[in-house]
Amino acid sequence: MPEILVPITLFVCIVFAIKIVVEARFRSKLLQTGGNDELLRSMARDEDIRRRHGALRWGIVMVLLAIGFGIIEAAGWRNANAGTIAVLLAAVGLGNLAYYVISRKLD
């Protein structure tokens, strides 16, 4: 299994590194050209909101996923079968739906 995971992980890391470099270059070019102050503030504000929403989303999903694992443990299920996978998928789905509802209220 490691012979499959290593190339996938390497690919993901390379893509993430390229994304970071491209965003950094974009910001530096924008600052060098002396972009509109209101535009820069708006971009910073939007990025902050996006970061907080991402943390909120993952927090909600992880809590509900932990609840799903707790349900599996309490039920005494030891094998990965359709029931256990369904509980975990339902937990992730409920987490995403809860995030959607909360983010709509925040906006």
Protein backbone atom coordinates (compact mmCIF):
# COMPACT_ATOMS: atom_id res chain seq x y z
CA MET A 1 0.00 0.00 0.00
CA PRO A 2 2.84 2.53 0.61
CA GLU A 3 3.83 2.30 -3.05
CA ILE A 4 0.45 3.84 -3.90
CA LEU A 5 0.24 6.40 -1.08
CA VAL A 6 3.71 7.91 -1.53
CA PRO A 7 3.17 9.14 -5.13
CA ILE A 8 -0.30 10.44 -4.29
CA THR A 9 1.01 12.31 -1.26
CA LEU A 10 3.90 13.69 -3.27
CA PHE A 11 1.51 14.93 -5.98
CA VAL A 12 -0.75 16.60 -3.41
CA CYS A 13 2.23 18.30 -1.76
CA ILE A 14 3.52 19.60 -5.09
CA VAL A 15 0.11 20.99 -6.04
CA PHE A 16 -0.25 22.65 -2.63
CA ALA A 17 3.24 24.18 -2.88
CA ILE A 18 2.51 25.56 -6.36
CA LYS A 19 -0.76 27.05 -5.08
CA ILE A 20 1.04 28.80 -2.22
CA VAL A 21 3.75 30.19 -4.51
CA VAL A 22 1.23 31.46 -7.07
CA GLU A 23 -0.87 33.19 -4.38
CA ALA A 24 2.23 34.77 -2.81
CA ARG A 25 3.43 36.08 -6.18
CA PHE A 26 -0.03 37.47 -6.94
CA ARG A 27 -0.10 39.33 -3.63
CA SER A 28 3.40 40.70 -4.05
CA LYS A 29 2.63 41.91 -7.59
CA LEU A 30 -0.57 43.52 -6.34
CA LEU A 31 1.30 45.32 -3.58
CA GLN A 32 4.09 46.41 -5.96
CA THR A 33 1.65 47.94 -8.42
CA GLY A 34 0.15 50.00 -5.64
CA GLY A 35 -3.32 48.56 -5.88
CA ASN A 36 -6.32 50.37 -4.50
CA ASP A 37 -6.31 50.38 -0.68
CA GLU A 38 -9.98 49.45 -0.58
CA LEU A 39 -9.31 46.46 -2.84
CA LEU A 40 -6.45 45.28 -0.60
CA ARG A 41 -8.59 45.64 2.53
CA SER A 42 -11.45 43.79 0.86
CA MET A 43 -9.16 40.93 -0.16
CA ALA A 44 -7.71 40.65 3.35
CA ARG A 45 -11.19 40.72 4.91
CA ASP A 46 -12.51 38.08 2.50
CA GLU A 47 -9.51 35.85 3.16
CA ASP A 48 -10.01 36.17 6.91
CA ILE A 49 -13.68 35.28 6.58
CA ARG A 50 -12.85 32.33 4.33
CA ARG A 51 -10.27 31.07 6.84
CA ARG A 52 -12.71 31.33 9.75
CA HIS A 53 -15.43 29.59 7.76
CA GLY A 54 -13.01 26.79 6.88
CA ALA A 55 -12.14 26.31 10.54
CA LEU A 56 -15.83 26.33 11.45
CA ARG A 57 -16.64 23.77 8.78
CA TRP A 58 -13.89 21.35 9.77
CA GLY A 59 -14.68 21.78 13.45
CA ILE A 60 -18.33 20.89 12.95
CA VAL A 61 -17.54 17.97 10.64
CA MET A 62 -14.92 16.56 13.02
CA VAL A 63 -17.22 16.80 16.05
CA LEU A 64 -20.00 14.99 14.22
CA LEU A 65 -17.55 12.42 12.88
CA ALA A 66 -16.39 11.79 16.45
CA ILE A 67 -20.03 11.33 17.45
CA GLY A 68 -20.39 8.83 14.58
CA PHE A 69 -17.36 6.88 15.83
CA GLY A 70 -18.86 7.00 19.32
CA ILE A 71 -22.10 5.53 18.00
CA ILE A 72 -20.18 2.74 16.26
CA GLU A 73 -18.24 2.00 19.44
CA ALA A 74 -21.38 2.07 21.62
CA ALA A 75 -23.15 -0.31 19.23
CA GLY A 76 -20.21 -2.70 19.47
CA TRP A 77 -19.59 -2.88 15.74
CA ARG A 78 -16.06 -4.11 15.11
CA ASN A 79 -16.03 -4.73 11.36
CA ALA A 80 -16.16 -2.24 8.53
CA ASN A 81 -19.50 -2.98 6.91
CA ALA A 82 -22.24 -0.98 5.24
CA GLY A 83 -23.72 0.07 8.60
CA THR A 84 -20.52 1.53 9.98
CA ILE A 85 -19.72 3.34 6.75
CA ALA A 86 -23.27 4.69 6.60
CA VAL A 87 -22.97 6.09 10.13
CA LEU A 88 -19.69 7.83 9.26
CA LEU A 89 -21.02 9.22 5.97
CA ALA A 90 -24.16 10.45 7.72
CA ALA A 91 -22.02 12.19 10.34
CA VAL A 92 -19.95 13.95 7.67
CA GLY A 93 -23.10 14.90 5.74
CA LEU A 94 -24.77 16.27 8.86
CA GLY A 95 -21.62 18.22 9.65
CA ASN A 96 -21.62 19.84 6.23
CA LEU A 97 -25.33 20.63 6.47
CA ALA A 98 -24.85 22.14 9.93
CA TYR A 99 -22.00 24.25 8.56
CA TYR A 100 -24.21 25.45 5.71
CA VAL A 101 -26.96 26.52 8.11
CA ILE A 102 -24.57 28.27 10.47
CA SER A 103 -22.66 30.03 7.67
CA ARG A 104 -25.92 31.33 6.18
CA LYS A 105 -26.81 32.83 9.56
CA LEU A 106 -23.37 34.42 9.86
CA ASP A 107 -23.65 36.06 6.45
